[in-house]
mmCIF file of all heavy atoms, coordinates in Angstrom:
data_MODEL
# 
_entry.id   MODEL 
# 
loop_
_atom_site.group_PDB 
_atom_site.id 
_atom_site.type_symbol 
_atom_site.label_atom_id 
_atom_site.label_alt_id 
_atom_site.label_comp_id 
_atom_site.label_asym_id 
_atom_site.label_entity_id 
_atom_site.label_seq_id 
_atom_site.pdbx_PDB_ins_code 
_atom_site.Cartn_x 
_atom_site.Cartn_y 
_atom_site.Cartn_z 
_atom_site.occupancy 
_atom_site.B_iso_or_equiv 
_atom_site.pdbx_formal_charge 
_atom_site.auth_seq_id 
_atom_site.auth_comp_id 
_atom_site.auth_asym_id 
_atom_site.auth_atom_id 
_atom_site.pdbx_PDB_model_num 
ATOM 1   N N   . ALA A 1 1  ? 4.417  -15.474 -64.988 1.00 0.00 ? 1  ALA A N   1 
ATOM 2   C CA  . ALA A 1 1  ? 4.917  -16.818 -64.955 1.00 0.00 ? 1  ALA A CA  1 
ATOM 3   C C   . ALA A 1 1  ? 6.331  -16.972 -64.448 1.00 0.00 ? 1  ALA A C   1 
ATOM 4   O O   . ALA A 1 1  ? 7.195  -16.186 -64.866 1.00 0.00 ? 1  ALA A O   1 
ATOM 5   C CB  . ALA A 1 1  ? 4.630  -17.464 -66.250 1.00 0.00 ? 1  ALA A CB  1 
ATOM 6   N N   . ALA A 1 2  ? 6.578  -17.917 -63.600 1.00 0.00 ? 2  ALA A N   1 
ATOM 7   C CA  . ALA A 1 2  ? 7.985  -18.156 -63.157 1.00 0.00 ? 2  ALA A CA  1 
ATOM 8   C C   . ALA A 1 2  ? 8.612  -19.280 -63.944 1.00 0.00 ? 2  ALA A C   1 
ATOM 9   O O   . ALA A 1 2  ? 7.959  -20.249 -64.215 1.00 0.00 ? 2  ALA A O   1 
ATOM 10  C CB  . ALA A 1 2  ? 7.998  -18.512 -61.675 1.00 0.00 ? 2  ALA A CB  1 
ATOM 11  N N   . SER A 1 3  ? 9.824  -19.051 -64.300 1.00 0.00 ? 3  SER A N   1 
ATOM 12  C CA  . SER A 1 3  ? 10.454 -19.996 -65.294 1.00 0.00 ? 3  SER A CA  1 
ATOM 13  C C   . SER A 1 3  ? 11.762 -20.537 -64.631 1.00 0.00 ? 3  SER A C   1 
ATOM 14  O O   . SER A 1 3  ? 12.620 -19.633 -64.121 1.00 0.00 ? 3  SER A O   1 
ATOM 15  C CB  . SER A 1 3  ? 10.636 -19.395 -66.595 1.00 0.00 ? 3  SER A CB  1 
ATOM 16  O OG  . SER A 1 3  ? 11.491 -20.290 -67.425 1.00 0.00 ? 3  SER A OG  1 
ATOM 17  N N   . THR A 1 4  ? 12.149 -21.694 -64.758 1.00 0.00 ? 4  THR A N   1 
ATOM 18  C CA  . THR A 1 4  ? 13.478 -22.315 -64.366 1.00 0.00 ? 4  THR A CA  1 
ATOM 19  C C   . THR A 1 4  ? 14.493 -21.820 -65.264 1.00 0.00 ? 4  THR A C   1 
ATOM 20  O O   . THR A 1 4  ? 15.750 -22.005 -65.000 1.00 0.00 ? 4  THR A O   1 
ATOM 21  C CB  . THR A 1 4  ? 13.371 -23.819 -64.180 1.00 0.00 ? 4  THR A CB  1 
ATOM 22  O OG1 . THR A 1 4  ? 12.967 -24.317 -65.411 1.00 0.00 ? 4  THR A OG1 1 
ATOM 23  C CG2 . THR A 1 4  ? 12.484 -24.198 -63.096 1.00 0.00 ? 4  THR A CG2 1 
ATOM 24  N N   . GLU A 1 5  ? 14.139 -21.439 -66.446 1.00 0.00 ? 5  GLU A N   1 
ATOM 25  C CA  . GLU A 1 5  ? 15.053 -20.933 -67.510 1.00 0.00 ? 5  GLU A CA  1 
ATOM 26  C C   . GLU A 1 5  ? 15.714 -19.591 -67.160 1.00 0.00 ? 5  GLU A C   1 
ATOM 27  O O   . GLU A 1 5  ? 16.800 -19.185 -67.876 1.00 0.00 ? 5  GLU A O   1 
ATOM 28  C CB  . GLU A 1 5  ? 14.470 -21.006 -68.871 1.00 0.00 ? 5  GLU A CB  1 
ATOM 29  C CG  . GLU A 1 5  ? 13.801 -22.281 -69.312 1.00 0.00 ? 5  GLU A CG  1 
ATOM 30  C CD  . GLU A 1 5  ? 14.877 -23.375 -69.371 1.00 0.00 ? 5  GLU A CD  1 
ATOM 31  O OE1 . GLU A 1 5  ? 15.999 -23.099 -69.868 1.00 0.00 ? 5  GLU A OE1 1 
ATOM 32  O OE2 . GLU A 1 5  ? 14.471 -24.590 -68.816 1.00 0.00 ? 5  GLU A OE2 1 
ATOM 33  N N   . VAL A 1 6  ? 15.150 -18.946 -66.290 1.00 0.00 ? 6  VAL A N   1 
ATOM 34  C CA  . VAL A 1 6  ? 15.679 -17.581 -65.936 1.00 0.00 ? 6  VAL A CA  1 
ATOM 35  C C   . VAL A 1 6  ? 16.650 -17.582 -64.835 1.00 0.00 ? 6  VAL A C   1 
ATOM 36  O O   . VAL A 1 6  ? 16.441 -18.107 -63.774 1.00 0.00 ? 6  VAL A O   1 
ATOM 37  C CB  . VAL A 1 6  ? 14.398 -16.604 -65.649 1.00 0.00 ? 6  VAL A CB  1 
ATOM 38  C CG1 . VAL A 1 6  ? 14.906 -15.242 -65.224 1.00 0.00 ? 6  VAL A CG1 1 
ATOM 39  C CG2 . VAL A 1 6  ? 13.408 -16.516 -66.845 1.00 0.00 ? 6  VAL A CG2 1 
ATOM 40  N N   . PRO A 1 7  ? 17.692 -16.895 -64.941 1.00 0.00 ? 7  PRO A N   1 
ATOM 41  C CA  . PRO A 1 7  ? 18.819 -16.926 -63.867 1.00 0.00 ? 7  PRO A CA  1 
ATOM 42  C C   . PRO A 1 7  ? 18.275 -16.328 -62.517 1.00 0.00 ? 7  PRO A C   1 
ATOM 43  O O   . PRO A 1 7  ? 17.357 -15.385 -62.608 1.00 0.00 ? 7  PRO A O   1 
ATOM 44  C CB  . PRO A 1 7  ? 19.891 -15.883 -64.410 1.00 0.00 ? 7  PRO A CB  1 
ATOM 45  C CG  . PRO A 1 7  ? 19.688 -15.876 -65.908 1.00 0.00 ? 7  PRO A CG  1 
ATOM 46  C CD  . PRO A 1 7  ? 18.126 -15.980 -66.090 1.00 0.00 ? 7  PRO A CD  1 
ATOM 47  N N   . VAL A 1 8  ? 18.787 -16.843 -61.495 1.00 0.00 ? 8  VAL A N   1 
ATOM 48  C CA  . VAL A 1 8  ? 18.421 -16.575 -60.133 1.00 0.00 ? 8  VAL A CA  1 
ATOM 49  C C   . VAL A 1 8  ? 19.415 -15.573 -59.550 1.00 0.00 ? 8  VAL A C   1 
ATOM 50  O O   . VAL A 1 8  ? 20.709 -15.798 -59.623 1.00 0.00 ? 8  VAL A O   1 
ATOM 51  C CB  . VAL A 1 8  ? 18.255 -17.764 -59.184 1.00 0.00 ? 8  VAL A CB  1 
ATOM 52  C CG1 . VAL A 1 8  ? 17.721 -17.290 -57.841 1.00 0.00 ? 8  VAL A CG1 1 
ATOM 53  C CG2 . VAL A 1 8  ? 17.240 -18.733 -59.821 1.00 0.00 ? 8  VAL A CG2 1 
ATOM 54  N N   . PRO A 1 9  ? 18.996 -14.452 -58.973 1.00 0.00 ? 9  PRO A N   1 
ATOM 55  C CA  . PRO A 1 9  ? 20.049 -13.572 -58.352 1.00 0.00 ? 9  PRO A CA  1 
ATOM 56  C C   . PRO A 1 9  ? 20.784 -14.315 -57.271 1.00 0.00 ? 9  PRO A C   1 
ATOM 57  O O   . PRO A 1 9  ? 20.255 -15.156 -56.533 1.00 0.00 ? 9  PRO A O   1 
ATOM 58  C CB  . PRO A 1 9  ? 19.206 -12.415 -57.765 1.00 0.00 ? 9  PRO A CB  1 
ATOM 59  C CG  . PRO A 1 9  ? 17.888 -12.488 -58.577 1.00 0.00 ? 9  PRO A CG  1 
ATOM 60  C CD  . PRO A 1 9  ? 17.713 -13.948 -58.874 1.00 0.00 ? 9  PRO A CD  1 
ATOM 61  N N   . THR A 1 10 ? 21.945 -14.025 -57.006 1.00 0.00 ? 10 THR A N   1 
ATOM 62  C CA  . THR A 1 10 ? 22.811 -14.576 -56.037 1.00 0.00 ? 10 THR A CA  1 
ATOM 63  C C   . THR A 1 10 ? 22.714 -13.821 -54.711 1.00 0.00 ? 10 THR A C   1 
ATOM 64  O O   . THR A 1 10 ? 22.406 -12.577 -54.803 1.00 0.00 ? 10 THR A O   1 
ATOM 65  C CB  . THR A 1 10 ? 24.357 -14.678 -56.349 1.00 0.00 ? 10 THR A CB  1 
ATOM 66  O OG1 . THR A 1 10 ? 24.725 -13.402 -56.345 1.00 0.00 ? 10 THR A OG1 1 
ATOM 67  C CG2 . THR A 1 10 ? 24.436 -15.531 -57.636 1.00 0.00 ? 10 THR A CG2 1 
ATOM 68  N N   . THR A 1 11 ? 22.949 -14.523 -53.502 1.00 0.00 ? 11 THR A N   1 
ATOM 69  C CA  . THR A 1 11 ? 23.012 -13.756 -52.339 1.00 0.00 ? 11 THR A CA  1 
ATOM 70  C C   . THR A 1 11 ? 24.030 -12.744 -52.313 1.00 0.00 ? 11 THR A C   1 
ATOM 71  O O   . THR A 1 11 ? 23.829 -11.535 -51.777 1.00 0.00 ? 11 THR A O   1 
ATOM 72  C CB  . THR A 1 11 ? 23.195 -14.674 -51.057 1.00 0.00 ? 11 THR A CB  1 
ATOM 73  O OG1 . THR A 1 11 ? 22.109 -15.698 -51.101 1.00 0.00 ? 11 THR A OG1 1 
ATOM 74  C CG2 . THR A 1 11 ? 23.172 -14.009 -49.749 1.00 0.00 ? 11 THR A CG2 1 
ATOM 75  N N   . ALA A 1 12 ? 25.132 -13.011 -52.752 1.00 0.00 ? 12 ALA A N   1 
ATOM 76  C CA  . ALA A 1 12 ? 26.271 -12.016 -52.801 1.00 0.00 ? 12 ALA A CA  1 
ATOM 77  C C   . ALA A 1 12 ? 25.799 -10.668 -53.627 1.00 0.00 ? 12 ALA A C   1 
ATOM 78  O O   . ALA A 1 12 ? 26.142 -9.523  -53.303 1.00 0.00 ? 12 ALA A O   1 
ATOM 79  C CB  . ALA A 1 12 ? 27.460 -12.506 -53.408 1.00 0.00 ? 12 ALA A CB  1 
ATOM 80  N N   . GLY A 1 13 ? 25.166 -10.933 -54.795 1.00 0.00 ? 13 GLY A N   1 
ATOM 81  C CA  . GLY A 1 13 ? 24.772 -9.847  -55.609 1.00 0.00 ? 13 GLY A CA  1 
ATOM 82  C C   . GLY A 1 13 ? 23.678 -9.014  -54.980 1.00 0.00 ? 13 GLY A C   1 
ATOM 83  O O   . GLY A 1 13 ? 23.720 -7.805  -55.091 1.00 0.00 ? 13 GLY A O   1 
ATOM 84  N N   . LEU A 1 14 ? 22.754 -9.577  -54.384 1.00 0.00 ? 14 LEU A N   1 
ATOM 85  C CA  . LEU A 1 14 ? 21.650 -8.944  -53.634 1.00 0.00 ? 14 LEU A CA  1 
ATOM 86  C C   . LEU A 1 14 ? 22.276 -8.204  -52.490 1.00 0.00 ? 14 LEU A C   1 
ATOM 87  O O   . LEU A 1 14 ? 21.774 -7.100  -52.164 1.00 0.00 ? 14 LEU A O   1 
ATOM 88  C CB  . LEU A 1 14 ? 20.590 -9.844  -53.222 1.00 0.00 ? 14 LEU A CB  1 
ATOM 89  C CG  . LEU A 1 14 ? 19.534 -10.279 -54.338 1.00 0.00 ? 14 LEU A CG  1 
ATOM 90  C CD1 . LEU A 1 14 ? 18.684 -11.511 -53.833 1.00 0.00 ? 14 LEU A CD1 1 
ATOM 91  C CD2 . LEU A 1 14 ? 18.629 -9.149  -54.847 1.00 0.00 ? 14 LEU A CD2 1 
ATOM 92  N N   . THR A 1 15 ? 23.232 -8.830  -51.773 1.00 0.00 ? 15 THR A N   1 
ATOM 93  C CA  . THR A 1 15 ? 23.736 -8.094  -50.649 1.00 0.00 ? 15 THR A CA  1 
ATOM 94  C C   . THR A 1 15 ? 24.385 -6.799  -51.098 1.00 0.00 ? 15 THR A C   1 
ATOM 95  O O   . THR A 1 15 ? 24.318 -5.658  -50.346 1.00 0.00 ? 15 THR A O   1 
ATOM 96  C CB  . THR A 1 15 ? 24.778 -8.986  -49.923 1.00 0.00 ? 15 THR A CB  1 
ATOM 97  O OG1 . THR A 1 15 ? 24.068 -10.143 -49.358 1.00 0.00 ? 15 THR A OG1 1 
ATOM 98  C CG2 . THR A 1 15 ? 25.451 -8.314  -48.707 1.00 0.00 ? 15 THR A CG2 1 
ATOM 99  N N   . ALA A 1 16 ? 25.225 -6.865  -52.222 1.00 0.00 ? 16 ALA A N   1 
ATOM 100 C CA  . ALA A 1 16 ? 25.869 -5.726  -52.683 1.00 0.00 ? 16 ALA A CA  1 
ATOM 101 C C   . ALA A 1 16 ? 24.890 -4.674  -53.088 1.00 0.00 ? 16 ALA A C   1 
ATOM 102 O O   . ALA A 1 16 ? 25.097 -3.373  -52.987 1.00 0.00 ? 16 ALA A O   1 
ATOM 103 C CB  . ALA A 1 16 ? 26.675 -6.129  -53.913 1.00 0.00 ? 16 ALA A CB  1 
ATOM 104 N N   . ALA A 1 17 ? 23.668 -5.064  -53.662 1.00 0.00 ? 17 ALA A N   1 
ATOM 105 C CA  . ALA A 1 17 ? 22.730 -4.065  -54.096 1.00 0.00 ? 17 ALA A CA  1 
ATOM 106 C C   . ALA A 1 17 ? 21.950 -3.496  -52.951 1.00 0.00 ? 17 ALA A C   1 
ATOM 107 O O   . ALA A 1 17 ? 21.471 -2.334  -53.123 1.00 0.00 ? 17 ALA A O   1 
ATOM 108 C CB  . ALA A 1 17 ? 21.710 -4.799  -55.067 1.00 0.00 ? 17 ALA A CB  1 
ATOM 109 N N   . LEU A 1 18 ? 21.720 -4.205  -51.814 1.00 0.00 ? 18 LEU A N   1 
ATOM 110 C CA  . LEU A 1 18 ? 20.731 -3.765  -50.866 1.00 0.00 ? 18 LEU A CA  1 
ATOM 111 C C   . LEU A 1 18 ? 21.288 -3.368  -49.500 1.00 0.00 ? 18 LEU A C   1 
ATOM 112 O O   . LEU A 1 18 ? 20.634 -2.686  -48.742 1.00 0.00 ? 18 LEU A O   1 
ATOM 113 C CB  . LEU A 1 18 ? 19.656 -4.972  -50.629 1.00 0.00 ? 18 LEU A CB  1 
ATOM 114 C CG  . LEU A 1 18 ? 18.887 -5.332  -51.869 1.00 0.00 ? 18 LEU A CG  1 
ATOM 115 C CD1 . LEU A 1 18 ? 17.969 -6.491  -51.479 1.00 0.00 ? 18 LEU A CD1 1 
ATOM 116 C CD2 . LEU A 1 18 ? 18.023 -4.194  -52.377 1.00 0.00 ? 18 LEU A CD2 1 
ATOM 117 N N   . GLU A 1 19 ? 22.353 -3.823  -49.108 1.00 0.00 ? 19 GLU A N   1 
ATOM 118 C CA  . GLU A 1 19 ? 22.959 -3.735  -47.821 1.00 0.00 ? 19 GLU A CA  1 
ATOM 119 C C   . GLU A 1 19 ? 23.031 -2.232  -47.266 1.00 0.00 ? 19 GLU A C   1 
ATOM 120 O O   . GLU A 1 19 ? 22.738 -1.900  -46.128 1.00 0.00 ? 19 GLU A O   1 
ATOM 121 C CB  . GLU A 1 19 ? 24.179 -4.414  -47.511 1.00 0.00 ? 19 GLU A CB  1 
ATOM 122 C CG  . GLU A 1 19 ? 24.610 -4.693  -46.163 1.00 0.00 ? 19 GLU A CG  1 
ATOM 123 C CD  . GLU A 1 19 ? 23.658 -5.680  -45.462 1.00 0.00 ? 19 GLU A CD  1 
ATOM 124 O OE1 . GLU A 1 19 ? 22.966 -6.441  -46.141 1.00 0.00 ? 19 GLU A OE1 1 
ATOM 125 O OE2 . GLU A 1 19 ? 23.723 -5.671  -44.188 1.00 0.00 ? 19 GLU A OE2 1 
ATOM 126 N N   . GLU A 1 20 ? 23.506 -1.431  -48.258 1.00 0.00 ? 20 GLU A N   1 
ATOM 127 C CA  . GLU A 1 20 ? 23.660 -0.025  -47.744 1.00 0.00 ? 20 GLU A CA  1 
ATOM 128 C C   . GLU A 1 20 ? 22.408 0.597   -47.466 1.00 0.00 ? 20 GLU A C   1 
ATOM 129 O O   . GLU A 1 20 ? 22.243 1.434   -46.466 1.00 0.00 ? 20 GLU A O   1 
ATOM 130 C CB  . GLU A 1 20 ? 24.388 0.765   -48.998 1.00 0.00 ? 20 GLU A CB  1 
ATOM 131 C CG  . GLU A 1 20 ? 24.654 2.269   -48.627 1.00 0.00 ? 20 GLU A CG  1 
ATOM 132 C CD  . GLU A 1 20 ? 25.276 3.002   -49.713 1.00 0.00 ? 20 GLU A CD  1 
ATOM 133 O OE1 . GLU A 1 20 ? 25.732 2.319   -50.680 1.00 0.00 ? 20 GLU A OE1 1 
ATOM 134 O OE2 . GLU A 1 20 ? 25.371 4.240   -49.719 1.00 0.00 ? 20 GLU A OE2 1 
ATOM 135 N N   . ASP A 1 21 ? 21.328 0.386   -48.206 1.00 0.00 ? 21 ASP A N   1 
ATOM 136 C CA  . ASP A 1 21 ? 20.073 0.880   -47.902 1.00 0.00 ? 21 ASP A CA  1 
ATOM 137 C C   . ASP A 1 21 ? 19.397 0.194   -46.743 1.00 0.00 ? 21 ASP A C   1 
ATOM 138 O O   . ASP A 1 21 ? 18.674 0.877   -46.012 1.00 0.00 ? 21 ASP A O   1 
ATOM 139 C CB  . ASP A 1 21 ? 19.135 0.863   -49.124 1.00 0.00 ? 21 ASP A CB  1 
ATOM 140 C CG  . ASP A 1 21 ? 19.256 1.955   -50.175 1.00 0.00 ? 21 ASP A CG  1 
ATOM 141 O OD1 . ASP A 1 21 ? 19.739 2.995   -49.830 1.00 0.00 ? 21 ASP A OD1 1 
ATOM 142 O OD2 . ASP A 1 21 ? 18.946 1.719   -51.359 1.00 0.00 ? 21 ASP A OD2 1 
ATOM 143 N N   . ALA A 1 22 ? 19.733 -1.049  -46.528 1.00 0.00 ? 22 ALA A N   1 
ATOM 144 C CA  . ALA A 1 22 ? 19.129 -1.731  -45.373 1.00 0.00 ? 22 ALA A CA  1 
ATOM 145 C C   . ALA A 1 22 ? 19.596 -1.139  -44.099 1.00 0.00 ? 22 ALA A C   1 
ATOM 146 O O   . ALA A 1 22 ? 18.963 -1.273  -42.989 1.00 0.00 ? 22 ALA A O   1 
ATOM 147 C CB  . ALA A 1 22 ? 19.348 -3.247  -45.473 1.00 0.00 ? 22 ALA A CB  1 
ATOM 148 N N   . THR A 1 23 ? 20.661 -0.502  -44.174 1.00 0.00 ? 23 THR A N   1 
ATOM 149 C CA  . THR A 1 23 ? 21.263 0.073   -42.854 1.00 0.00 ? 23 THR A CA  1 
ATOM 150 C C   . THR A 1 23 ? 21.309 1.640   -42.943 1.00 0.00 ? 23 THR A C   1 
ATOM 151 O O   . THR A 1 23 ? 21.841 2.283   -42.131 1.00 0.00 ? 23 THR A O   1 
ATOM 152 C CB  . THR A 1 23 ? 22.771 -0.358  -42.700 1.00 0.00 ? 23 THR A CB  1 
ATOM 153 O OG1 . THR A 1 23 ? 23.501 -0.033  -43.927 1.00 0.00 ? 23 THR A OG1 1 
ATOM 154 C CG2 . THR A 1 23 ? 22.896 -1.864  -42.525 1.00 0.00 ? 23 THR A CG2 1 
ATOM 155 N N   . ALA A 1 24 ? 20.387 2.087   -43.851 1.00 0.00 ? 24 ALA A N   1 
ATOM 156 C CA  . ALA A 1 24 ? 20.440 3.619   -43.975 1.00 0.00 ? 24 ALA A CA  1 
ATOM 157 C C   . ALA A 1 24 ? 19.748 4.179   -42.827 1.00 0.00 ? 24 ALA A C   1 
ATOM 158 O O   . ALA A 1 24 ? 18.715 3.673   -42.041 1.00 0.00 ? 24 ALA A O   1 
ATOM 159 C CB  . ALA A 1 24 ? 19.490 3.929   -45.228 1.00 0.00 ? 24 ALA A CB  1 
ATOM 160 N N   . LYS A 1 25 ? 20.195 5.474   -42.343 1.00 0.00 ? 25 LYS A N   1 
ATOM 161 C CA  . LYS A 1 25 ? 19.698 6.084   -41.249 1.00 0.00 ? 25 LYS A CA  1 
ATOM 162 C C   . LYS A 1 25 ? 18.318 6.543   -41.330 1.00 0.00 ? 25 LYS A C   1 
ATOM 163 O O   . LYS A 1 25 ? 17.580 6.482   -40.335 1.00 0.00 ? 25 LYS A O   1 
ATOM 164 C CB  . LYS A 1 25 ? 20.515 7.514   -41.044 1.00 0.00 ? 25 LYS A CB  1 
ATOM 165 C CG  . LYS A 1 25 ? 21.927 7.200   -40.571 1.00 0.00 ? 25 LYS A CG  1 
ATOM 166 C CD  . LYS A 1 25 ? 22.565 8.623   -40.375 1.00 0.00 ? 25 LYS A CD  1 
ATOM 167 C CE  . LYS A 1 25 ? 24.031 8.361   -39.872 1.00 0.00 ? 25 LYS A CE  1 
ATOM 168 N NZ  . LYS A 1 25 ? 24.715 9.601   -39.667 1.00 0.00 ? 25 LYS A NZ  1 
ATOM 169 N N   . ALA A 1 26 ? 17.641 6.659   -42.452 1.00 0.00 ? 26 ALA A N   1 
ATOM 170 C CA  . ALA A 1 26 ? 16.292 7.035   -42.757 1.00 0.00 ? 26 ALA A CA  1 
ATOM 171 C C   . ALA A 1 26 ? 15.449 5.875   -42.276 1.00 0.00 ? 26 ALA A C   1 
ATOM 172 O O   . ALA A 1 26 ? 14.217 6.035   -41.996 1.00 0.00 ? 26 ALA A O   1 
ATOM 173 C CB  . ALA A 1 26 ? 16.000 7.381   -44.088 1.00 0.00 ? 26 ALA A CB  1 
ATOM 174 N N   . LEU A 1 27 ? 15.839 4.626   -42.251 1.00 0.00 ? 27 LEU A N   1 
ATOM 175 C CA  . LEU A 1 27 ? 14.987 3.530   -41.833 1.00 0.00 ? 27 LEU A CA  1 
ATOM 176 C C   . LEU A 1 27 ? 15.094 3.232   -40.320 1.00 0.00 ? 27 LEU A C   1 
ATOM 177 O O   . LEU A 1 27 ? 14.367 2.522   -39.750 1.00 0.00 ? 27 LEU A O   1 
ATOM 178 C CB  . LEU A 1 27 ? 15.452 2.232   -42.625 1.00 0.00 ? 27 LEU A CB  1 
ATOM 179 C CG  . LEU A 1 27 ? 15.216 2.137   -44.099 1.00 0.00 ? 27 LEU A CG  1 
ATOM 180 C CD1 . LEU A 1 27 ? 15.515 0.819   -44.637 1.00 0.00 ? 27 LEU A CD1 1 
ATOM 181 C CD2 . LEU A 1 27 ? 13.747 2.451   -44.405 1.00 0.00 ? 27 LEU A CD2 1 
ATOM 182 N N   . GLY A 1 28 ? 16.049 3.885   -39.714 1.00 0.00 ? 28 GLY A N   1 
ATOM 183 C CA  . GLY A 1 28 ? 16.275 3.649   -38.261 1.00 0.00 ? 28 GLY A CA  1 
ATOM 184 C C   . GLY A 1 28 ? 17.064 2.335   -37.840 1.00 0.00 ? 28 GLY A C   1 
ATOM 185 O O   . GLY A 1 28 ? 17.523 1.722   -38.864 1.00 0.00 ? 28 GLY A O   1 
# 
């Protein structure tokens, strides 16, 4: 179930978590 009471991740937070892997050499 999805709830409006649960915090939503921010774009800045997800960028910090994912950007390094999104540009990883192993993905091309």
